[in-house]
Amino acid sequence: MDCPDGLVFNMYLDRCDYTSERVHVGCESSPCQYGARCVDLDGDYKCECPNGFSGKDCEKAPDFCASNPCGSNGQCHSLPYNSPMPYYCTCFDNKAFGVSCDQDSEPNPCLDDESELEAFATQLDDAIYIHCNDYKMYLKYCPRPLVFSEKKQECQWADE
């Protein structure tokens, strides 16, 4: 097949293209993100996104902080998709934290001058812990199936 100047015949696509190399099309290139299911279409693909996710490749994660779950007394912090929870709140000018800024929020352990620990277990989830940098707290998590050990100050297997 004759192609216009600057193009070559691509036998994989059965047309003139900028390259004659194999081009990954459809689900072969695993374009879908966040566990979305890929469906091959004629020369294209479609991602079936998990609830809340959007975009051609399901690349747009939901913004759990958009609904202002922390209220006027807190600041919302989004966590990565694979974390045990989608967000957390720092409340009352960094004096507490939780999934909302109400009576169930936990006190900031970083404000305890007597403690020599740098990280603290939480009641939120056994994999979630608070890491202190001076009086500032940062919520972190252990990858599943690990859990946080306050005694050892590290992530470990649940049965240890």
N, C-alpha and C. Protein backbone atom coordinates (compact mmCIF):
# COMPACT_ATOMS: atom_id res chain seq x y z
N MET A 1 0.85 -1.18 0.00
CA MET A 1 0.00 0.00 0.00
C MET A 1 0.89 1.24 0.00
N ASP A 2 0.55 2.19 -0.86
CA ASP A 2 1.29 3.44 -0.91
C ASP A 2 0.72 4.40 0.13
N CYS A 3 1.62 5.00 0.90
CA CYS A 3 1.20 5.97 1.92
C CYS A 3 1.73 7.34 1.56
N PRO A 4 1.06 8.40 1.97
CA PRO A 4 1.56 9.75 1.72
C PRO A 4 2.93 9.96 2.36
N ASP A 5 3.67 10.95 1.86
CA ASP A 5 4.99 11.26 2.41
C ASP A 5 4.90 11.47 3.92
N GLY A 6 5.89 10.90 4.65
CA GLY A 6 5.94 11.04 6.10
C GLY A 6 5.21 9.94 6.84
N LEU A 7 4.42 9.12 6.12
CA LEU A 7 3.70 8.02 6.76
C LEU A 7 4.17 6.69 6.19
N VAL A 8 4.02 5.63 6.98
CA VAL A 8 4.36 4.28 6.54
C VAL A 8 3.16 3.38 6.80
N PHE A 9 3.13 2.23 6.09
CA PHE A 9 2.02 1.31 6.30
C PHE A 9 2.26 0.53 7.58
N ASN A 10 1.27 0.53 8.46
CA ASN A 10 1.32 -0.22 9.71
C ASN A 10 0.43 -1.44 9.55
N MET A 11 1.06 -2.63 9.44
CA MET A 11 0.28 -3.85 9.20
C MET A 11 -0.57 -4.23 10.41
N TYR A 12 -0.22 -3.78 11.60
CA TYR A 12 -1.01 -4.09 12.79
C TYR A 12 -2.31 -3.31 12.82
N LEU A 13 -2.26 -2.09 12.31
CA LEU A 13 -3.46 -1.26 12.26
C LEU A 13 -4.15 -1.33 10.91
N ASP A 14 -3.44 -1.90 9.92
CA ASP A 14 -3.95 -2.02 8.56
C ASP A 14 -4.29 -0.65 7.98
N ARG A 15 -3.35 0.30 8.15
CA ARG A 15 -3.54 1.65 7.62
C ARG A 15 -2.20 2.39 7.63
N CYS A 16 -2.18 3.56 7.02
CA CYS A 16 -1.00 4.41 7.05
C CYS A 16 -0.91 5.08 8.42
N ASP A 17 0.32 5.14 8.95
CA ASP A 17 0.52 5.69 10.29
C ASP A 17 1.92 6.30 10.35
N TYR A 18 2.25 6.88 11.49
CA TYR A 18 3.58 7.47 11.65
C TYR A 18 4.65 6.42 11.95
N THR A 19 4.23 5.23 12.33
CA THR A 19 5.15 4.15 12.66
C THR A 19 4.62 2.83 12.10
N SER A 20 5.55 1.92 11.83
CA SER A 20 5.13 0.60 11.37
C SER A 20 5.15 -0.40 12.52
N GLU A 21 5.47 0.08 13.74
CA GLU A 21 5.55 -0.79 14.91
C GLU A 21 4.17 -1.10 15.46
N ARG A 22 4.11 -2.17 16.24
CA ARG A 22 2.87 -2.59 16.87
C ARG A 22 2.41 -1.50 17.85
N VAL A 23 1.19 -1.11 17.73
CA VAL A 23 0.61 -0.11 18.61
C VAL A 23 -0.39 -0.82 19.52
N HIS A 24 -0.24 -0.60 20.81
CA HIS A 24 -1.16 -1.23 21.75
C HIS A 24 -2.49 -0.48 21.75
N VAL A 25 -3.51 -1.19 21.39
CA VAL A 25 -4.84 -0.61 21.37
C VAL A 25 -5.75 -1.45 22.25
N GLY A 26 -6.81 -0.86 22.69
CA GLY A 26 -7.77 -1.60 23.51
C GLY A 26 -7.23 -1.94 24.88
N CYS A 27 -7.76 -2.99 25.42
CA CYS A 27 -7.43 -3.39 26.80
C CYS A 27 -6.03 -3.99 26.93
N GLU A 28 -5.40 -4.30 25.80
CA GLU A 28 -4.07 -4.92 25.82
C GLU A 28 -3.06 -4.08 26.61
N SER A 29 -3.22 -2.77 26.62
CA SER A 29 -2.27 -1.90 27.32
C SER A 29 -2.69 -1.62 28.76
N SER A 30 -3.74 -2.28 29.26
CA SER A 30 -4.24 -2.11 30.63
C SER A 30 -4.43 -0.63 31.00
N PRO A 31 -5.27 0.08 30.26
CA PRO A 31 -5.42 1.51 30.50
C PRO A 31 -6.28 1.87 31.72
N CYS A 32 -7.13 0.98 32.17
CA CYS A 32 -8.09 1.30 33.24
C CYS A 32 -7.40 1.30 34.61
N GLN A 33 -7.76 2.28 35.43
CA GLN A 33 -7.15 2.43 36.74
C GLN A 33 -8.13 2.08 37.85
N TYR A 34 -7.61 1.98 39.07
CA TYR A 34 -8.40 1.76 40.29
C TYR A 34 -9.29 0.52 40.21
N GLY A 35 -8.76 -0.54 39.59
CA GLY A 35 -9.50 -1.79 39.54
C GLY A 35 -10.68 -1.80 38.59
N ALA A 36 -10.74 -0.84 37.68
CA ALA A 36 -11.84 -0.79 36.71
C ALA A 36 -11.74 -1.96 35.74
N ARG A 37 -12.86 -2.40 35.25
CA ARG A 37 -12.92 -3.50 34.28
C ARG A 37 -12.81 -2.90 32.87
N CYS A 38 -11.95 -3.49 32.06
CA CYS A 38 -11.75 -3.02 30.69
C CYS A 38 -12.55 -3.88 29.73
N VAL A 39 -13.23 -3.21 28.79
CA VAL A 39 -14.01 -3.90 27.77
C VAL A 39 -13.45 -3.49 26.41
N ASP A 40 -12.99 -4.48 25.62
CA ASP A 40 -12.47 -4.20 24.28
C ASP A 40 -13.61 -3.84 23.34
N LEU A 41 -13.40 -2.77 22.59
CA LEU A 41 -14.33 -2.37 21.54
C LEU A 41 -13.56 -2.46 20.22
N ASP A 42 -14.18 -2.24 19.12
CA ASP A 42 -13.53 -2.32 17.82
C ASP A 42 -12.43 -1.27 17.72
N GLY A 43 -11.19 -1.67 17.99
CA GLY A 43 -10.06 -0.75 17.92
C GLY A 43 -9.98 0.23 19.06
N ASP A 44 -10.80 0.09 20.06
CA ASP A 44 -10.81 1.00 21.20
C ASP A 44 -11.14 0.19 22.45
N TYR A 45 -11.42 0.85 23.53
CA TYR A 45 -11.77 0.20 24.78
C TYR A 45 -12.70 1.10 25.59
N LYS A 46 -13.31 0.51 26.59
CA LYS A 46 -14.14 1.27 27.52
C LYS A 46 -13.84 0.74 28.91
N CYS A 47 -13.69 1.64 29.87
CA CYS A 47 -13.46 1.25 31.26
C CYS A 47 -14.76 1.36 32.03
N GLU A 48 -15.10 0.31 32.75
CA GLU A 48 -16.26 0.32 33.64
C GLU A 48 -15.73 0.66 35.03
N CYS A 49 -15.95 1.91 35.43
CA CYS A 49 -15.35 2.46 36.65
C CYS A 49 -16.07 2.01 37.92
N PRO A 50 -15.31 1.84 39.02
CA PRO A 50 -15.94 1.61 40.31
C PRO A 50 -16.77 2.84 40.70
N ASN A 51 -17.71 2.66 41.60
CA ASN A 51 -18.56 3.78 42.02
C ASN A 51 -17.73 4.98 42.46
N GLY A 52 -18.10 6.14 41.96
CA GLY A 52 -17.44 7.39 42.34
C GLY A 52 -16.30 7.79 41.42
N PHE A 53 -15.72 6.86 40.67
CA PHE A 53 -14.60 7.16 39.80
C PHE A 53 -15.11 7.52 38.41
N SER A 54 -14.36 8.37 37.70
CA SER A 54 -14.79 8.82 36.39
C SER A 54 -13.58 9.05 35.50
N GLY A 55 -13.84 9.44 34.26
CA GLY A 55 -12.79 9.67 33.28
C GLY A 55 -12.67 8.48 32.35
N LYS A 56 -12.08 8.69 31.18
CA LYS A 56 -11.94 7.61 30.19
C LYS A 56 -11.26 6.39 30.79
N ASP A 57 -10.23 6.60 31.60
CA ASP A 57 -9.48 5.49 32.21
C ASP A 57 -9.80 5.34 33.70
N CYS A 58 -10.90 5.95 34.16
CA CYS A 58 -11.29 5.94 35.59
C CYS A 58 -10.20 6.57 36.45
N GLU A 59 -9.50 7.55 35.88
CA GLU A 59 -8.37 8.17 36.56
C GLU A 59 -8.78 9.24 37.58
N LYS A 60 -10.03 9.64 37.54
CA LYS A 60 -10.50 10.70 38.45
C LYS A 60 -11.15 10.06 39.67
N ALA A 61 -10.42 10.10 40.79
CA ALA A 61 -10.92 9.53 42.05
C ALA A 61 -11.92 10.50 42.67
N PRO A 62 -12.86 9.98 43.43
CA PRO A 62 -13.83 10.88 44.08
C PRO A 62 -13.14 11.75 45.13
N ASP A 63 -13.63 12.95 45.30
CA ASP A 63 -13.11 13.87 46.31
C ASP A 63 -13.98 13.75 47.56
N PHE A 64 -13.53 12.94 48.50
CA PHE A 64 -14.31 12.71 49.72
C PHE A 64 -14.36 13.94 50.61
N CYS A 65 -13.46 14.89 50.40
CA CYS A 65 -13.46 16.10 51.21
C CYS A 65 -14.44 17.15 50.67
N ALA A 66 -14.96 16.96 49.46
CA ALA A 66 -15.83 17.94 48.84
C ALA A 66 -17.11 18.19 49.64
N SER A 67 -17.58 17.17 50.34
CA SER A 67 -18.82 17.33 51.12
C SER A 67 -18.58 17.97 52.49
N ASN A 68 -17.34 18.36 52.76
CA ASN A 68 -16.96 19.01 54.02
C ASN A 68 -17.34 18.16 55.24
N PRO A 69 -16.85 16.91 55.31
CA PRO A 69 -17.21 16.03 56.42
C PRO A 69 -16.66 16.47 57.77
N CYS A 70 -15.67 17.35 57.78
CA CYS A 70 -15.05 17.78 59.03
C CYS A 70 -15.78 18.98 59.65
N GLY A 71 -16.61 19.63 58.88
CA GLY A 71 -17.36 20.78 59.40
C GLY A 71 -16.47 22.01 59.55
N SER A 72 -17.00 23.00 60.24
CA SER A 72 -16.29 24.28 60.37
C SER A 72 -15.16 24.23 61.39
N ASN A 73 -15.09 23.16 62.20
CA ASN A 73 -14.04 23.05 63.21
C ASN A 73 -12.86 22.19 62.77
N GLY A 74 -12.82 21.80 61.48
CA GLY A 74 -11.75 20.92 61.06
C GLY A 74 -11.29 21.13 59.65
N GLN A 75 -10.22 20.44 59.33
CA GLN A 75 -9.65 20.47 57.98
C GLN A 75 -9.61 19.03 57.48
N CYS A 76 -10.08 18.81 56.26
CA CYS A 76 -10.14 17.48 55.67
C CYS A 76 -8.85 17.19 54.90
N HIS A 77 -8.36 15.94 55.03
CA HIS A 77 -7.15 15.50 54.34
C HIS A 77 -7.49 14.22 53.57
N SER A 78 -7.37 14.24 52.26
CA SER A 78 -7.62 13.06 51.44
C SER A 78 -6.48 12.08 51.59
N LEU A 79 -6.80 10.80 51.53
CA LEU A 79 -5.79 9.74 51.57
C LEU A 79 -5.81 9.00 50.24
N PRO A 80 -4.74 8.30 49.89
CA PRO A 80 -4.71 7.56 48.63
C PRO A 80 -5.81 6.50 48.56
N TYR A 81 -6.16 6.12 47.35
CA TYR A 81 -7.25 5.18 47.11
C TYR A 81 -7.07 3.86 47.86
N ASN A 82 -5.84 3.36 47.98
CA ASN A 82 -5.61 2.06 48.60
C ASN A 82 -5.48 2.12 50.11
N SER A 83 -5.71 3.26 50.73
CA SER A 83 -5.62 3.36 52.19
C SER A 83 -6.88 2.76 52.83
N PRO A 84 -6.80 2.42 54.12
CA PRO A 84 -7.97 1.84 54.79
C PRO A 84 -9.17 2.78 54.89
N MET A 85 -8.95 4.06 54.78
CA MET A 85 -10.05 5.02 54.80
C MET A 85 -9.77 6.13 53.79
N PRO A 86 -10.81 6.78 53.26
CA PRO A 86 -10.59 7.75 52.18
C PRO A 86 -10.09 9.12 52.62
N TYR A 87 -10.31 9.51 53.89
CA TYR A 87 -9.92 10.83 54.37
C TYR A 87 -9.85 10.80 55.90
N TYR A 88 -9.31 11.88 56.47
CA TYR A 88 -9.39 12.08 57.91
C TYR A 88 -9.45 13.58 58.17
N CYS A 89 -9.85 13.94 59.37
CA CYS A 89 -9.99 15.33 59.76
C CYS A 89 -8.99 15.67 60.87
N THR A 90 -8.37 16.83 60.78
CA THR A 90 -7.69 17.40 61.94
C THR A 90 -8.63 18.47 62.46
N CYS A 91 -8.87 18.43 63.77
CA CYS A 91 -9.95 19.22 64.36
C CYS A 91 -9.46 20.20 65.43
N PHE A 92 -10.24 21.22 65.60
CA PHE A 92 -10.04 22.20 66.67
C PHE A 92 -8.60 22.68 66.74
N ASP A 93 -8.13 23.22 65.63
CA ASP A 93 -6.79 23.78 65.52
C ASP A 93 -5.71 22.75 65.86
N ASN A 94 -5.83 21.54 65.29
CA ASN A 94 -4.86 20.44 65.42
C ASN A 94 -4.85 19.80 66.82
N LYS A 95 -5.91 19.98 67.60
CA LYS A 95 -5.97 19.38 68.93
C LYS A 95 -6.60 17.99 68.92
N ALA A 96 -7.26 17.59 67.82
CA ALA A 96 -7.91 16.29 67.73
C ALA A 96 -7.96 15.84 66.27
N PHE A 97 -8.36 14.59 66.06
CA PHE A 97 -8.49 14.06 64.72
C PHE A 97 -9.58 12.99 64.71
N GLY A 98 -10.05 12.66 63.51
CA GLY A 98 -11.07 11.62 63.35
C GLY A 98 -11.68 11.67 61.97
N VAL A 99 -12.84 11.00 61.81
CA VAL A 99 -13.55 11.04 60.54
C VAL A 99 -14.54 12.20 60.51
N SER A 100 -14.71 12.86 61.64
CA SER A 100 -15.48 14.09 61.74
C SER A 100 -14.97 14.82 62.99
N CYS A 101 -15.37 16.03 63.14
CA CYS A 101 -14.93 16.80 64.30
C CYS A 101 -16.09 16.90 65.30
N ASP A 102 -16.40 15.77 65.92
CA ASP A 102 -17.46 15.74 66.92
C ASP A 102 -16.93 15.04 68.17
N GLN A 103 -17.83 14.57 69.01
CA GLN A 103 -17.42 13.95 70.27
C GLN A 103 -16.62 12.66 70.07
N ASP A 104 -16.66 12.06 68.87
CA ASP A 104 -15.91 10.83 68.61
C ASP A 104 -14.49 11.08 68.16
N SER A 105 -14.09 12.34 67.98
CA SER A 105 -12.72 12.61 67.55
C SER A 105 -11.75 12.30 68.69
N GLU A 106 -10.55 11.84 68.31
CA GLU A 106 -9.53 11.46 69.29
C GLU A 106 -8.58 12.64 69.53
N PRO A 107 -8.04 12.79 70.76
CA PRO A 107 -7.09 13.87 71.02
C PRO A 107 -5.78 13.65 70.26
N ASN A 108 -5.12 14.72 69.91
CA ASN A 108 -3.85 14.67 69.22
C ASN A 108 -2.78 14.15 70.19
N PRO A 109 -2.24 12.94 69.97
CA PRO A 109 -1.24 12.40 70.88
C PRO A 109 0.10 13.14 70.81
N CYS A 110 0.31 13.91 69.76
CA CYS A 110 1.56 14.64 69.59
C CYS A 110 1.68 15.79 70.59
N LEU A 111 0.59 16.18 71.21
CA LEU A 111 0.60 17.28 72.17
C LEU A 111 1.04 16.82 73.57
N ASP A 112 1.22 15.50 73.76
CA ASP A 112 1.62 14.95 75.05
C ASP A 112 3.12 15.13 75.23
N ASP A 113 3.50 16.07 76.09
CA ASP A 113 4.93 16.36 76.33
C ASP A 113 5.65 15.21 77.02
N GLU A 114 4.93 14.35 77.71
CA GLU A 114 5.53 13.26 78.48
C GLU A 114 5.91 12.06 77.62
N SER A 115 5.27 11.90 76.48
CA SER A 115 5.49 10.72 75.66
C SER A 115 6.80 10.82 74.88
N GLU A 116 7.48 9.68 74.78
CA GLU A 116 8.71 9.61 73.99
C GLU A 116 8.48 8.92 72.65
N LEU A 117 7.24 8.53 72.38
CA LEU A 117 6.91 7.87 71.12
C LEU A 117 6.81 8.87 69.99
N GLU A 118 7.12 8.42 68.79
CA GLU A 118 6.96 9.26 67.60
C GLU A 118 5.70 8.91 66.83
N ALA A 119 5.14 7.72 67.09
CA ALA A 119 3.96 7.27 66.36
C ALA A 119 3.00 6.59 67.34
N PHE A 120 1.70 6.75 67.04
CA PHE A 120 0.67 6.26 67.95
C PHE A 120 -0.42 5.52 67.18
N ALA A 121 -0.89 4.41 67.74
CA ALA A 121 -2.01 3.68 67.17
C ALA A 121 -3.27 4.53 67.32
N THR A 122 -4.26 4.29 66.47
CA THR A 122 -5.53 5.02 66.56
C THR A 122 -6.67 4.03 66.73
N GLN A 123 -7.84 4.53 67.05
CA GLN A 123 -9.04 3.71 67.13
C GLN A 123 -9.73 3.62 65.76
N LEU A 124 -9.24 4.36 64.78
CA LEU A 124 -9.86 4.39 63.45
C LEU A 124 -9.76 3.04 62.75
N ASP A 125 -8.58 2.42 62.79
CA ASP A 125 -8.31 1.16 62.10
C ASP A 125 -6.97 0.66 62.63
N ASP A 126 -6.78 -0.66 62.71
CA ASP A 126 -5.52 -1.17 63.27
C ASP A 126 -4.32 -0.95 62.35
N ALA A 127 -4.54 -0.58 61.11
CA ALA A 127 -3.44 -0.28 60.19
C ALA A 127 -3.10 1.21 60.17
N ILE A 128 -3.95 2.04 60.76
CA ILE A 128 -3.75 3.49 60.72
C ILE A 128 -3.06 3.97 62.00
N TYR A 129 -2.10 4.86 61.82
CA TYR A 129 -1.40 5.42 62.98
C TYR A 129 -1.10 6.89 62.75
N ILE A 130 -0.80 7.57 63.84
CA ILE A 130 -0.42 8.99 63.81
C ILE A 130 1.09 9.08 63.97
N HIS A 131 1.73 9.78 63.06
CA HIS A 131 3.17 10.07 63.17
C HIS A 131 3.32 11.53 63.58
N CYS A 132 4.13 11.76 64.58
CA CYS A 132 4.31 13.13 65.09
C CYS A 132 5.60 13.75 64.58
N ASN A 133 5.51 15.01 64.23
CA ASN A 133 6.66 15.83 63.91
C ASN A 133 6.50 17.07 64.77
N ASP A 134 7.19 17.08 65.90
CA ASP A 134 6.95 18.05 66.97
C ASP A 134 5.50 17.90 67.42
N TYR A 135 4.71 18.95 67.34
CA TYR A 135 3.31 18.86 67.78
C TYR A 135 2.35 18.63 66.62
N LYS A 136 2.90 18.56 65.42
CA LYS A 136 2.07 18.36 64.23
C LYS A 136 1.87 16.87 64.00
N MET A 137 0.62 16.46 63.70
CA MET A 137 0.34 15.05 63.46
C MET A 137 0.08 14.79 61.99
N TYR A 138 0.49 13.59 61.56
CA TYR A 138 0.28 13.14 60.20
C TYR A 138 -0.30 11.73 60.28
N LEU A 139 -1.42 11.51 59.65
CA LEU A 139 -2.02 10.19 59.64
C LEU A 139 -1.35 9.36 58.55
N LYS A 140 -0.88 8.18 58.90
CA LYS A 140 -0.24 7.27 57.97
C LYS A 140 -0.88 5.90 58.13
N TYR A 141 -0.56 4.98 57.24
CA TYR A 141 -1.14 3.65 57.34
C TYR A 141 -0.16 2.59 56.86
N CYS A 142 -0.36 1.40 57.38
CA CYS A 142 0.42 0.24 56.97
C CYS A 142 -0.29 -0.42 55.79
N PRO A 143 0.45 -0.91 54.82
CA PRO A 143 -0.20 -1.62 53.71
C PRO A 143 -0.80 -2.93 54.22
N ARG A 144 -1.98 -3.27 53.73
CA ARG A 144 -2.64 -4.51 54.14
C ARG A 144 -1.81 -5.70 53.68
N PRO A 145 -1.68 -6.74 54.42
CA PRO A 145 -2.37 -7.10 55.65
C PRO A 145 -1.62 -6.70 56.92
N LEU A 146 -0.66 -5.78 56.84
CA LEU A 146 0.09 -5.35 58.02
C LEU A 146 -0.75 -4.44 58.90
N VAL A 147 -0.39 -4.40 60.19
CA VAL A 147 -1.03 -3.51 61.17
C VAL A 147 0.08 -2.74 61.89
N PHE A 148 -0.28 -1.65 62.54
CA PHE A 148 0.71 -0.84 63.24
C PHE A 148 0.89 -1.33 64.67
N SER A 149 2.13 -1.48 65.10
CA SER A 149 2.46 -1.85 66.47
C SER A 149 3.05 -0.63 67.16
N GLU A 150 2.29 -0.07 68.11
CA GLU A 150 2.78 1.10 68.84
C GLU A 150 4.00 0.72 69.67
N LYS A 151 4.00 -0.49 70.22
CA LYS A 151 5.11 -0.95 71.05
C LYS A 151 6.41 -1.01 70.25
N LYS A 152 6.34 -1.56 69.02
CA LYS A 152 7.53 -1.69 68.18
C LYS A 152 7.75 -0.47 67.29
N GLN A 153 6.75 0.41 67.20
CA GLN A 153 6.82 1.61 66.36
C GLN A 153 7.05 1.26 64.88
N GLU A 154 6.33 0.23 64.42
CA GLU A 154 6.46 -0.18 63.02
C GLU A 154 5.25 -0.98 62.57
N CYS A 155 5.16 -1.16 61.27
CA CYS A 155 4.13 -2.02 60.70
C CYS A 155 4.62 -3.46 60.82
N GLN A 156 3.68 -4.36 61.16
CA GLN A 156 4.04 -5.76 61.30
C GLN A 156 2.85 -6.63 60.93
N TRP A 157 3.09 -7.94 60.81
CA TRP A 157 2.02 -8.89 60.53
C TRP A 157 1.07 -8.91 61.72
N ALA A 158 -0.19 -9.07 61.46
CA ALA A 158 -1.22 -9.00 62.50
C ALA A 158 -1.04 -10.04 63.60
N ASP A 159 -0.49 -11.19 63.29
CA ASP A 159 -0.39 -12.24 64.30
C ASP A 159 0.90 -12.20 65.11
N GLU A 160 1.74 -11.20 64.94
CA GLU A 160 3.01 -11.12 65.71
C GLU A 160 2.77 -10.53 67.08
